[in-house]
Amino acid sequence: MRYILVNGRTPFRQSFCVMCEAPIGPRYLREAGTHLIYCDHDCYAEHCKSAVLLLENQARAS
């Protein structure tokens, strides 16, 4: 997990959380590799869990 915690700065354009689609405020997380924006650590952690489950299911299918 590599992310950047942003405090006191909103994105240039109106942005929304990748997981819950909440509007992004002055505090958010940005994933370092993909630059995806999450409203808080909980949404980022949920995204990581779902990505792991997806990879495990793909590995079992092949």
C-alpha atoms as a PDB file:
ATOM      1  CA  MET A   1       0.000   0.000   0.000  1.00  0.00           C
ATOM      2  CA  ARG A   2       1.525   3.242  -1.144  1.00  0.00           C
ATOM      3  CA  TYR A   3      -0.525   6.379  -0.873  1.00  0.00           C
ATOM      4  CA  ILE A   4      -0.202  10.087  -0.271  1.00  0.00           C
ATOM      5  CA  LEU A   5      -2.300  11.794   2.406  1.00  0.00           C
ATOM      6  CA  VAL A   6      -3.362  15.249   1.235  1.00  0.00           C
ATOM      7  CA  ASN A   7      -4.462  17.819   3.841  1.00  0.00           C
ATOM      8  CA  GLY A   8      -5.828  21.300   3.250  1.00  0.00           C
ATOM      9  CA  ARG A   9      -5.909  21.103  -0.531  1.00  0.00           C
ATOM     10  CA  THR A  10      -8.736  20.144  -2.874  1.00  0.00           C
ATOM     11  CA  PRO A  11      -8.147  18.774  -6.387  1.00  0.00           C
ATOM     12  CA  PHE A  12      -8.227  21.292  -9.255  1.00  0.00           C
ATOM     13  CA  ARG A  13     -11.416  19.811 -10.701  1.00  0.00           C
ATOM     14  CA  GLN A  14     -14.353  18.483  -8.721  1.00  0.00           C
ATOM     15  CA  SER A  15     -13.416  14.886  -7.941  1.00  0.00           C
ATOM     16  CA  PHE A  16     -15.155  11.919  -6.369  1.00  0.00           C
ATOM     17  CA  CYS A  17     -13.986   8.924  -4.354  1.00  0.00           C
ATOM     18  CA  VAL A  18     -13.283   5.865  -6.503  1.00  0.00           C
ATOM     19  CA  MET A  19     -15.063   3.534  -4.041  1.00  0.00           C
ATOM     20  CA  CYS A  20     -18.046   5.404  -2.585  1.00  0.00           C
ATOM     21  CA  GLU A  21     -18.344   8.302  -5.077  1.00  0.00           C
ATOM     22  CA  ALA A  22     -18.399  10.897  -2.274  1.00  0.00           C
ATOM     23  CA  PRO A  23     -17.186  14.383  -3.271  1.00  0.00           C
ATOM     24  CA  ILE A  24     -13.539  14.959  -2.384  1.00  0.00           C
ATOM     25  CA  GLY A  25     -12.918  17.636   0.218  1.00  0.00           C
ATOM     26  CA  PRO A  26      -9.757  19.257   1.576  1.00  0.00           C
ATOM     27  CA  ARG A  27      -8.494  15.936   3.028  1.00  0.00           C
ATOM     28  CA  TYR A  28      -8.151  12.800   0.909  1.00  0.00           C
ATOM     29  CA  LEU A  29      -5.848   9.932  -0.130  1.00  0.00           C
ATOM     30  CA  ARG A  30      -4.222   9.586  -3.519  1.00  0.00           C
ATOM     31  CA  GLU A  31      -2.759   6.226  -4.540  1.00  0.00           C
ATOM     32  CA  ALA A  32       0.874   6.738  -5.534  1.00  0.00           C
ATOM     33  CA  GLY A  33       0.968   4.398  -8.554  1.00  0.00           C
ATOM     34  CA  THR A  34      -2.381   5.064 -10.194  1.00  0.00           C
ATOM     35  CA  HIS A  35      -3.222   8.544  -8.830  1.00  0.00           C
ATOM     36  CA  LEU A  36      -6.727   7.334  -7.955  1.00  0.00           C
ATOM     37  CA  ILE A  37      -8.436   9.451  -5.285  1.00  0.00           C
ATOM     38  CA  TYR A  38     -10.156   8.079  -2.154  1.00  0.00           C
ATOM     39  CA  CYS A  39     -12.130  10.101   0.400  1.00  0.00           C
ATOM     40  CA  ASP A  40     -10.473   8.375   3.389  1.00  0.00           C
ATOM     41  CA  HIS A  41      -8.347   5.442   4.505  1.00  0.00           C
ATOM     42  CA  ASP A  42     -11.388   3.163   4.905  1.00  0.00           C
ATOM     43  CA  CYS A  43     -12.322   3.441   1.222  1.00  0.00           C
ATOM     44  CA  TYR A  44      -8.692   2.888   0.213  1.00  0.00           C
ATOM     45  CA  ALA A  45      -8.447  -0.217   2.414  1.00  0.00           C
ATOM     46  CA  GLU A  46     -11.715  -1.565   0.975  1.00  0.00           C
ATOM     47  CA  HIS A  47     -10.363  -1.058  -2.549  1.00  0.00           C
ATOM     48  CA  CYS A  48      -7.189  -2.986  -1.647  1.00  0.00           C
ATOM     49  CA  LYS A  49      -9.237  -5.872  -0.211  1.00  0.00           C
ATOM     50  CA  SER A  50     -11.419  -6.096  -3.308  1.00  0.00           C
ATOM     51  CA  ALA A  51      -8.350  -6.067  -5.578  1.00  0.00           C
ATOM     52  CA  VAL A  52      -6.791  -8.960  -3.644  1.00  0.00           C
ATOM     53  CA  LEU A  53     -10.008 -10.987  -3.867  1.00  0.00           C
ATOM     54  CA  LEU A  54     -10.211 -10.355  -7.597  1.00  0.00           C
ATOM     55  CA  LEU A  55      -6.636 -11.551  -8.120  1.00  0.00           C
ATOM     56  CA  GLU A  56      -7.246 -14.672  -6.026  1.00  0.00           C
ATOM     57  CA  ASN A  57     -10.357 -15.528  -8.045  1.00  0.00           C
ATOM     58  CA  GLN A  58      -8.500 -15.040 -11.322  1.00  0.00           C
ATOM     59  CA  ALA A  59      -5.663 -17.281 -10.119  1.00  0.00           C
ATOM     60  CA  ARG A  60      -8.120 -20.056  -9.217  1.00  0.00           C
ATOM     61  CA  ALA A  61      -9.876 -19.800 -12.577  1.00  0.00           C
ATOM     62  CA  SER A  62      -6.674 -20.291 -14.576  1.00  0.00           C
END
